[in-house]
Amino acid sequence: MCQHIVILAERNGQQYVSQCEHGTVHLIWDGVGLHLSAEAFNRLAAHIMKTRANILELGDSVSQGHCRMCVGKLSLILPVEDFLLMVEMIDEVMPQINLTGNGQYHPSVRIAPPHQLIPPVLN
């Protein structure tokens, strides 16, 4: 259990990045939390930055689309506007991430470029 958490960036109480004494980076976005080793967070951030570059290249044509971010078995779909806000926050914290953490989580990371949202099928 984390006892000492440092908030590295915060947009509001539901959107922030923090790092604890274990080296784990906690990315919280609207109640969804990703808890990654510093190394895994850096890999995720690299994918996110590439996706941002692709979005900026496409310009206004994707402003109404969505991005799907998959980390392991978790899939998070964000409007482009929210995704870009998350990217700004992640970009802000990258110089502050303590890479000496010893977390063992190594997710497979995939981020799909913006596209029209297909509603989920609920059973």
N, C-alpha and C. Protein backbone atom coordinates (compact mmCIF):
# COMPACT_ATOMS: atom_id res chain seq x y z
N MET A 1 0.84 -1.18 0.00
CA MET A 1 0.00 0.00 0.00
C MET A 1 0.88 1.24 0.00
N CYS A 2 0.55 2.17 -0.85
CA CYS A 2 1.33 3.40 -0.98
C CYS A 2 1.08 4.31 0.23
N GLN A 3 2.15 4.77 0.83
CA GLN A 3 2.05 5.67 1.99
C GLN A 3 2.45 7.09 1.65
N HIS A 4 3.32 7.25 0.65
CA HIS A 4 3.83 8.57 0.27
C HIS A 4 3.63 8.77 -1.22
N ILE A 5 2.74 9.68 -1.57
CA ILE A 5 2.43 9.94 -2.98
C ILE A 5 2.73 11.41 -3.29
N VAL A 6 3.44 11.63 -4.38
CA VAL A 6 3.74 12.98 -4.84
C VAL A 6 2.91 13.23 -6.10
N ILE A 7 2.07 14.27 -6.06
CA ILE A 7 1.29 14.66 -7.24
C ILE A 7 2.24 15.40 -8.18
N LEU A 8 2.42 14.87 -9.37
CA LEU A 8 3.33 15.47 -10.35
C LEU A 8 2.61 16.47 -11.25
N ALA A 9 1.35 16.23 -11.53
CA ALA A 9 0.52 17.16 -12.31
C ALA A 9 -0.94 16.82 -12.01
N GLU A 10 -1.77 17.86 -12.01
CA GLU A 10 -3.18 17.65 -11.72
C GLU A 10 -4.02 18.64 -12.52
N ARG A 11 -5.05 18.14 -13.14
CA ARG A 11 -6.00 19.01 -13.85
C ARG A 11 -7.22 19.27 -12.97
N ASN A 12 -7.61 18.28 -12.24
CA ASN A 12 -8.66 18.40 -11.22
C ASN A 12 -8.53 17.16 -10.35
N GLY A 13 -9.38 16.98 -9.40
CA GLY A 13 -9.25 15.84 -8.50
C GLY A 13 -9.40 14.49 -9.16
N GLN A 14 -9.90 14.46 -10.39
CA GLN A 14 -10.13 13.21 -11.11
C GLN A 14 -9.16 12.99 -12.27
N GLN A 15 -8.24 13.92 -12.48
CA GLN A 15 -7.28 13.81 -13.58
C GLN A 15 -5.91 14.25 -13.07
N TYR A 16 -5.06 13.27 -12.79
CA TYR A 16 -3.74 13.61 -12.27
C TYR A 16 -2.75 12.48 -12.49
N VAL A 17 -1.47 12.82 -12.35
CA VAL A 17 -0.39 11.85 -12.39
C VAL A 17 0.38 12.01 -11.09
N SER A 18 0.63 10.89 -10.44
CA SER A 18 1.41 10.91 -9.20
C SER A 18 2.42 9.77 -9.22
N GLN A 19 3.35 9.82 -8.28
CA GLN A 19 4.32 8.74 -8.14
C GLN A 19 4.49 8.48 -6.65
N CYS A 20 4.51 7.19 -6.30
CA CYS A 20 4.60 6.82 -4.90
C CYS A 20 6.02 6.37 -4.54
N GLU A 21 6.20 6.02 -3.28
CA GLU A 21 7.52 5.61 -2.78
C GLU A 21 8.02 4.32 -3.43
N HIS A 22 7.14 3.56 -4.06
CA HIS A 22 7.53 2.31 -4.72
C HIS A 22 8.05 2.56 -6.14
N GLY A 23 7.93 3.81 -6.61
CA GLY A 23 8.32 4.14 -7.97
C GLY A 23 7.18 4.00 -8.96
N THR A 24 6.04 3.53 -8.49
CA THR A 24 4.89 3.35 -9.36
C THR A 24 4.33 4.71 -9.75
N VAL A 25 4.04 4.86 -11.04
CA VAL A 25 3.40 6.07 -11.54
C VAL A 25 1.92 5.78 -11.66
N HIS A 26 1.11 6.66 -11.08
CA HIS A 26 -0.34 6.50 -11.06
C HIS A 26 -0.94 7.55 -11.99
N LEU A 27 -1.50 7.10 -13.11
CA LEU A 27 -2.20 7.98 -14.04
C LEU A 27 -3.69 7.78 -13.79
N ILE A 28 -4.35 8.81 -13.29
CA ILE A 28 -5.77 8.74 -12.98
C ILE A 28 -6.50 9.68 -13.93
N TRP A 29 -7.51 9.15 -14.62
CA TRP A 29 -8.29 9.97 -15.56
C TRP A 29 -9.76 9.65 -15.37
N ASP A 30 -10.50 10.58 -14.81
CA ASP A 30 -11.94 10.44 -14.59
C ASP A 30 -12.29 9.13 -13.90
N GLY A 31 -11.55 8.81 -12.86
CA GLY A 31 -11.85 7.63 -12.06
C GLY A 31 -11.22 6.34 -12.53
N VAL A 32 -10.58 6.35 -13.71
CA VAL A 32 -9.89 5.16 -14.20
C VAL A 32 -8.41 5.33 -13.87
N GLY A 33 -7.83 4.33 -13.26
CA GLY A 33 -6.43 4.42 -12.86
C GLY A 33 -5.53 3.42 -13.54
N LEU A 34 -4.39 3.90 -14.01
CA LEU A 34 -3.32 3.04 -14.50
C LEU A 34 -2.17 3.18 -13.51
N HIS A 35 -1.67 2.07 -13.04
CA HIS A 35 -0.61 2.06 -12.04
C HIS A 35 0.56 1.30 -12.66
N LEU A 36 1.58 2.04 -13.11
CA LEU A 36 2.64 1.48 -13.91
C LEU A 36 4.01 1.75 -13.30
N SER A 37 4.95 0.85 -13.58
CA SER A 37 6.33 1.16 -13.20
C SER A 37 6.76 2.39 -14.00
N ALA A 38 7.79 3.08 -13.53
CA ALA A 38 8.26 4.27 -14.24
C ALA A 38 8.67 3.91 -15.67
N GLU A 39 9.31 2.77 -15.84
CA GLU A 39 9.72 2.32 -17.18
C GLU A 39 8.51 2.09 -18.08
N ALA A 40 7.49 1.43 -17.57
CA ALA A 40 6.28 1.17 -18.36
C ALA A 40 5.56 2.48 -18.67
N PHE A 41 5.54 3.40 -17.71
CA PHE A 41 4.91 4.70 -17.96
C PHE A 41 5.65 5.44 -19.06
N ASN A 42 6.97 5.38 -19.06
CA ASN A 42 7.75 6.03 -20.12
C ASN A 42 7.43 5.45 -21.49
N ARG A 43 7.26 4.13 -21.56
CA ARG A 43 6.90 3.49 -22.84
C ARG A 43 5.51 3.95 -23.28
N LEU A 44 4.57 3.99 -22.34
CA LEU A 44 3.22 4.47 -22.64
C LEU A 44 3.28 5.92 -23.12
N ALA A 45 4.04 6.75 -22.43
CA ALA A 45 4.15 8.16 -22.81
C ALA A 45 4.72 8.31 -24.22
N ALA A 46 5.69 7.48 -24.58
CA ALA A 46 6.26 7.54 -25.93
C ALA A 46 5.19 7.24 -26.98
N HIS A 47 4.36 6.24 -26.73
CA HIS A 47 3.26 5.91 -27.66
C HIS A 47 2.26 7.06 -27.72
N ILE A 48 1.97 7.64 -26.58
CA ILE A 48 1.01 8.74 -26.52
C ILE A 48 1.53 9.95 -27.29
N MET A 49 2.82 10.24 -27.16
CA MET A 49 3.40 11.39 -27.86
C MET A 49 3.38 11.18 -29.38
N LYS A 50 3.62 9.94 -29.82
CA LYS A 50 3.54 9.64 -31.26
C LYS A 50 2.11 9.84 -31.76
N THR A 51 1.15 9.41 -30.97
CA THR A 51 -0.25 9.57 -31.36
C THR A 51 -0.63 11.05 -31.43
N ARG A 52 -0.13 11.83 -30.47
CA ARG A 52 -0.40 13.27 -30.51
C ARG A 52 0.13 13.87 -31.81
N ALA A 53 1.34 13.49 -32.20
CA ALA A 53 1.92 14.00 -33.44
C ALA A 53 1.04 13.65 -34.63
N ASN A 54 0.51 12.42 -34.65
CA ASN A 54 -0.39 12.01 -35.74
C ASN A 54 -1.67 12.83 -35.74
N ILE A 55 -2.21 13.09 -34.57
CA ILE A 55 -3.44 13.88 -34.46
C ILE A 55 -3.20 15.30 -34.97
N LEU A 56 -2.09 15.89 -34.55
CA LEU A 56 -1.79 17.26 -34.97
C LEU A 56 -1.56 17.35 -36.47
N GLU A 57 -1.00 16.29 -37.04
CA GLU A 57 -0.79 16.21 -38.48
C GLU A 57 -2.12 16.21 -39.23
N LEU A 58 -3.11 15.49 -38.69
CA LEU A 58 -4.41 15.37 -39.34
C LEU A 58 -5.24 16.63 -39.19
N GLY A 59 -4.96 17.43 -38.16
CA GLY A 59 -5.64 18.71 -37.97
C GLY A 59 -7.09 18.58 -37.56
N ASP A 60 -7.89 19.53 -38.01
CA ASP A 60 -9.30 19.62 -37.60
C ASP A 60 -10.15 18.45 -38.05
N SER A 61 -9.68 17.67 -39.00
CA SER A 61 -10.49 16.56 -39.51
C SER A 61 -10.77 15.50 -38.44
N VAL A 62 -9.99 15.49 -37.35
CA VAL A 62 -10.20 14.49 -36.31
C VAL A 62 -10.72 15.09 -35.02
N SER A 63 -11.03 16.38 -35.02
CA SER A 63 -11.41 17.04 -33.77
C SER A 63 -12.66 16.45 -33.13
N GLN A 64 -13.52 15.81 -33.90
CA GLN A 64 -14.73 15.22 -33.35
C GLN A 64 -14.59 13.71 -33.11
N GLY A 65 -13.42 13.16 -33.38
CA GLY A 65 -13.21 11.73 -33.23
C GLY A 65 -12.84 11.34 -31.81
N HIS A 66 -12.43 10.10 -31.66
CA HIS A 66 -12.04 9.54 -30.38
C HIS A 66 -10.73 8.79 -30.53
N CYS A 67 -10.01 8.66 -29.42
CA CYS A 67 -8.80 7.84 -29.38
C CYS A 67 -9.07 6.66 -28.46
N ARG A 68 -8.61 5.51 -28.86
CA ARG A 68 -8.72 4.32 -28.01
C ARG A 68 -7.32 4.00 -27.52
N MET A 69 -7.16 3.96 -26.21
CA MET A 69 -5.88 3.64 -25.60
C MET A 69 -6.03 2.29 -24.91
N CYS A 70 -5.21 1.34 -25.32
CA CYS A 70 -5.26 0.00 -24.74
C CYS A 70 -3.96 -0.26 -23.99
N VAL A 71 -4.10 -0.62 -22.74
CA VAL A 71 -2.96 -0.99 -21.90
C VAL A 71 -3.29 -2.36 -21.33
N GLY A 72 -2.56 -3.36 -21.78
CA GLY A 72 -2.91 -4.71 -21.37
C GLY A 72 -4.31 -5.03 -21.88
N LYS A 73 -5.19 -5.44 -20.98
CA LYS A 73 -6.57 -5.77 -21.36
C LYS A 73 -7.53 -4.60 -21.16
N LEU A 74 -7.03 -3.47 -20.67
CA LEU A 74 -7.85 -2.30 -20.43
C LEU A 74 -7.90 -1.44 -21.69
N SER A 75 -9.10 -1.03 -22.08
CA SER A 75 -9.27 -0.15 -23.23
C SER A 75 -10.02 1.09 -22.77
N LEU A 76 -9.45 2.25 -23.03
CA LEU A 76 -10.04 3.51 -22.63
C LEU A 76 -10.28 4.34 -23.89
N ILE A 77 -11.50 4.78 -24.09
CA ILE A 77 -11.85 5.59 -25.26
C ILE A 77 -12.08 7.02 -24.79
N LEU A 78 -11.32 7.94 -25.40
CA LEU A 78 -11.40 9.35 -25.02
C LEU A 78 -11.70 10.20 -26.24
N PRO A 79 -12.53 11.24 -26.08
CA PRO A 79 -12.65 12.22 -27.15
C PRO A 79 -11.27 12.83 -27.41
N VAL A 80 -11.00 13.23 -28.64
CA VAL A 80 -9.69 13.78 -28.99
C VAL A 80 -9.32 14.93 -28.06
N GLU A 81 -10.27 15.79 -27.76
CA GLU A 81 -10.00 16.93 -26.88
C GLU A 81 -9.48 16.47 -25.52
N ASP A 82 -10.12 15.46 -24.92
CA ASP A 82 -9.66 14.94 -23.63
C ASP A 82 -8.31 14.24 -23.76
N PHE A 83 -8.13 13.49 -24.85
CA PHE A 83 -6.85 12.83 -25.07
C PHE A 83 -5.72 13.85 -25.12
N LEU A 84 -5.94 14.96 -25.82
CA LEU A 84 -4.90 15.99 -25.91
C LEU A 84 -4.64 16.65 -24.57
N LEU A 85 -5.65 16.79 -23.73
CA LEU A 85 -5.45 17.30 -22.37
C LEU A 85 -4.59 16.33 -21.55
N MET A 86 -4.86 15.03 -21.72
CA MET A 86 -4.06 14.02 -21.03
C MET A 86 -2.61 14.08 -21.50
N VAL A 87 -2.42 14.26 -22.81
CA VAL A 87 -1.07 14.33 -23.37
C VAL A 87 -0.31 15.52 -22.77
N GLU A 88 -0.97 16.66 -22.66
CA GLU A 88 -0.32 17.84 -22.06
C GLU A 88 0.15 17.53 -20.65
N MET A 89 -0.70 16.87 -19.88
CA MET A 89 -0.36 16.55 -18.50
C MET A 89 0.81 15.57 -18.45
N ILE A 90 0.78 14.55 -19.30
CA ILE A 90 1.87 13.57 -19.34
C ILE A 90 3.17 14.23 -19.77
N ASP A 91 3.10 15.09 -20.76
CA ASP A 91 4.29 15.81 -21.23
C ASP A 91 4.88 16.65 -20.09
N GLU A 92 4.03 17.24 -19.30
CA GLU A 92 4.46 18.06 -18.16
C GLU A 92 5.22 17.24 -17.11
N VAL A 93 4.79 16.00 -16.88
CA VAL A 93 5.39 15.22 -15.79
C VAL A 93 6.63 14.43 -16.21
N MET A 94 6.84 14.24 -17.50
CA MET A 94 7.94 13.38 -17.93
C MET A 94 9.29 13.75 -17.31
N PRO A 95 9.66 15.01 -17.22
CA PRO A 95 10.96 15.33 -16.61
C PRO A 95 11.02 15.02 -15.11
N GLN A 96 9.86 14.83 -14.48
CA GLN A 96 9.81 14.62 -13.04
C GLN A 96 9.78 13.14 -12.64
N ILE A 97 9.56 12.25 -13.58
CA ILE A 97 9.41 10.83 -13.26
C ILE A 97 10.72 10.27 -12.71
N ASN A 98 10.63 9.65 -11.56
CA ASN A 98 11.80 9.02 -10.93
C ASN A 98 11.94 7.62 -11.51
N LEU A 99 12.99 7.41 -12.28
CA LEU A 99 13.17 6.13 -12.97
C LEU A 99 13.79 5.05 -12.10
N THR A 100 14.02 5.31 -10.83
CA THR A 100 14.64 4.30 -9.97
C THR A 100 13.62 3.35 -9.36
N GLY A 101 12.34 3.53 -9.70
CA GLY A 101 11.30 2.63 -9.17
C GLY A 101 11.54 1.20 -9.61
N ASN A 102 11.02 0.26 -8.85
CA ASN A 102 11.26 -1.15 -9.16
C ASN A 102 9.99 -1.90 -9.51
N GLY A 103 8.97 -1.19 -10.02
CA GLY A 103 7.72 -1.87 -10.40
C GLY A 103 7.99 -2.92 -11.47
N GLN A 104 7.20 -3.97 -11.47
CA GLN A 104 7.43 -5.09 -12.38
C GLN A 104 6.41 -5.17 -13.51
N TYR A 105 5.47 -4.25 -13.59
CA TYR A 105 4.40 -4.34 -14.58
C TYR A 105 4.90 -3.89 -15.94
N HIS A 106 4.75 -4.71 -16.96
CA HIS A 106 5.17 -4.38 -18.32
C HIS A 106 3.99 -4.59 -19.27
N PRO A 107 3.18 -3.55 -19.46
CA PRO A 107 1.98 -3.73 -20.30
C PRO A 107 2.32 -3.74 -21.78
N SER A 108 1.42 -4.35 -22.53
CA SER A 108 1.49 -4.16 -23.97
C SER A 108 0.64 -2.93 -24.25
N VAL A 109 1.16 -2.02 -25.02
CA VAL A 109 0.50 -0.74 -25.22
C VAL A 109 0.12 -0.57 -26.68
N ARG A 110 -1.12 -0.20 -26.92
CA ARG A 110 -1.59 0.12 -28.26
C ARG A 110 -2.48 1.35 -28.15
N ILE A 111 -2.27 2.29 -29.05
CA ILE A 111 -3.16 3.44 -29.10
C ILE A 111 -3.63 3.58 -30.54
N ALA A 112 -4.93 3.57 -30.71
CA ALA A 112 -5.49 3.70 -32.05
C ALA A 112 -5.69 5.17 -32.34
N PRO A 113 -5.39 5.59 -33.56
CA PRO A 113 -5.63 7.00 -33.92
C PRO A 113 -7.12 7.30 -33.87
N PRO A 114 -7.46 8.57 -33.87
CA PRO A 114 -8.88 8.96 -33.78
C PRO A 114 -9.72 8.32 -34.89
N HIS A 115 -10.92 7.94 -34.51
CA HIS A 115 -11.87 7.37 -35.45
C HIS A 115 -13.26 7.56 -34.87
N GLN A 116 -14.24 7.26 -35.63
CA GLN A 116 -15.60 7.36 -35.13
C GLN A 116 -15.83 6.27 -34.09
N LEU A 117 -16.43 6.64 -33.00
CA LEU A 117 -16.67 5.71 -31.90
C LEU A 117 -17.73 4.69 -32.26
N ILE A 118 -17.40 3.42 -32.03
CA ILE A 118 -18.36 2.34 -32.20
C ILE A 118 -18.85 1.98 -30.81
N PRO A 119 -20.14 2.12 -30.54
CA PRO A 119 -20.63 1.86 -29.18
C PRO A 119 -20.39 0.41 -28.77
N PRO A 120 -20.08 0.20 -27.49
CA PRO A 120 -19.85 -1.17 -27.02
C PRO A 120 -21.14 -1.98 -27.02
N VAL A 121 -20.99 -3.27 -27.15
CA VAL A 121 -22.14 -4.18 -27.07
C VAL A 121 -22.19 -4.70 -25.65
N LEU A 122 -23.32 -4.51 -25.01
CA LEU A 122 -23.48 -4.97 -23.62
C LEU A 122 -24.33 -6.22 -23.60
N ASN A 123 -23.88 -7.20 -22.84
CA ASN A 123 -24.65 -8.45 -22.70
C ASN A 123 -25.63 -8.34 -21.57
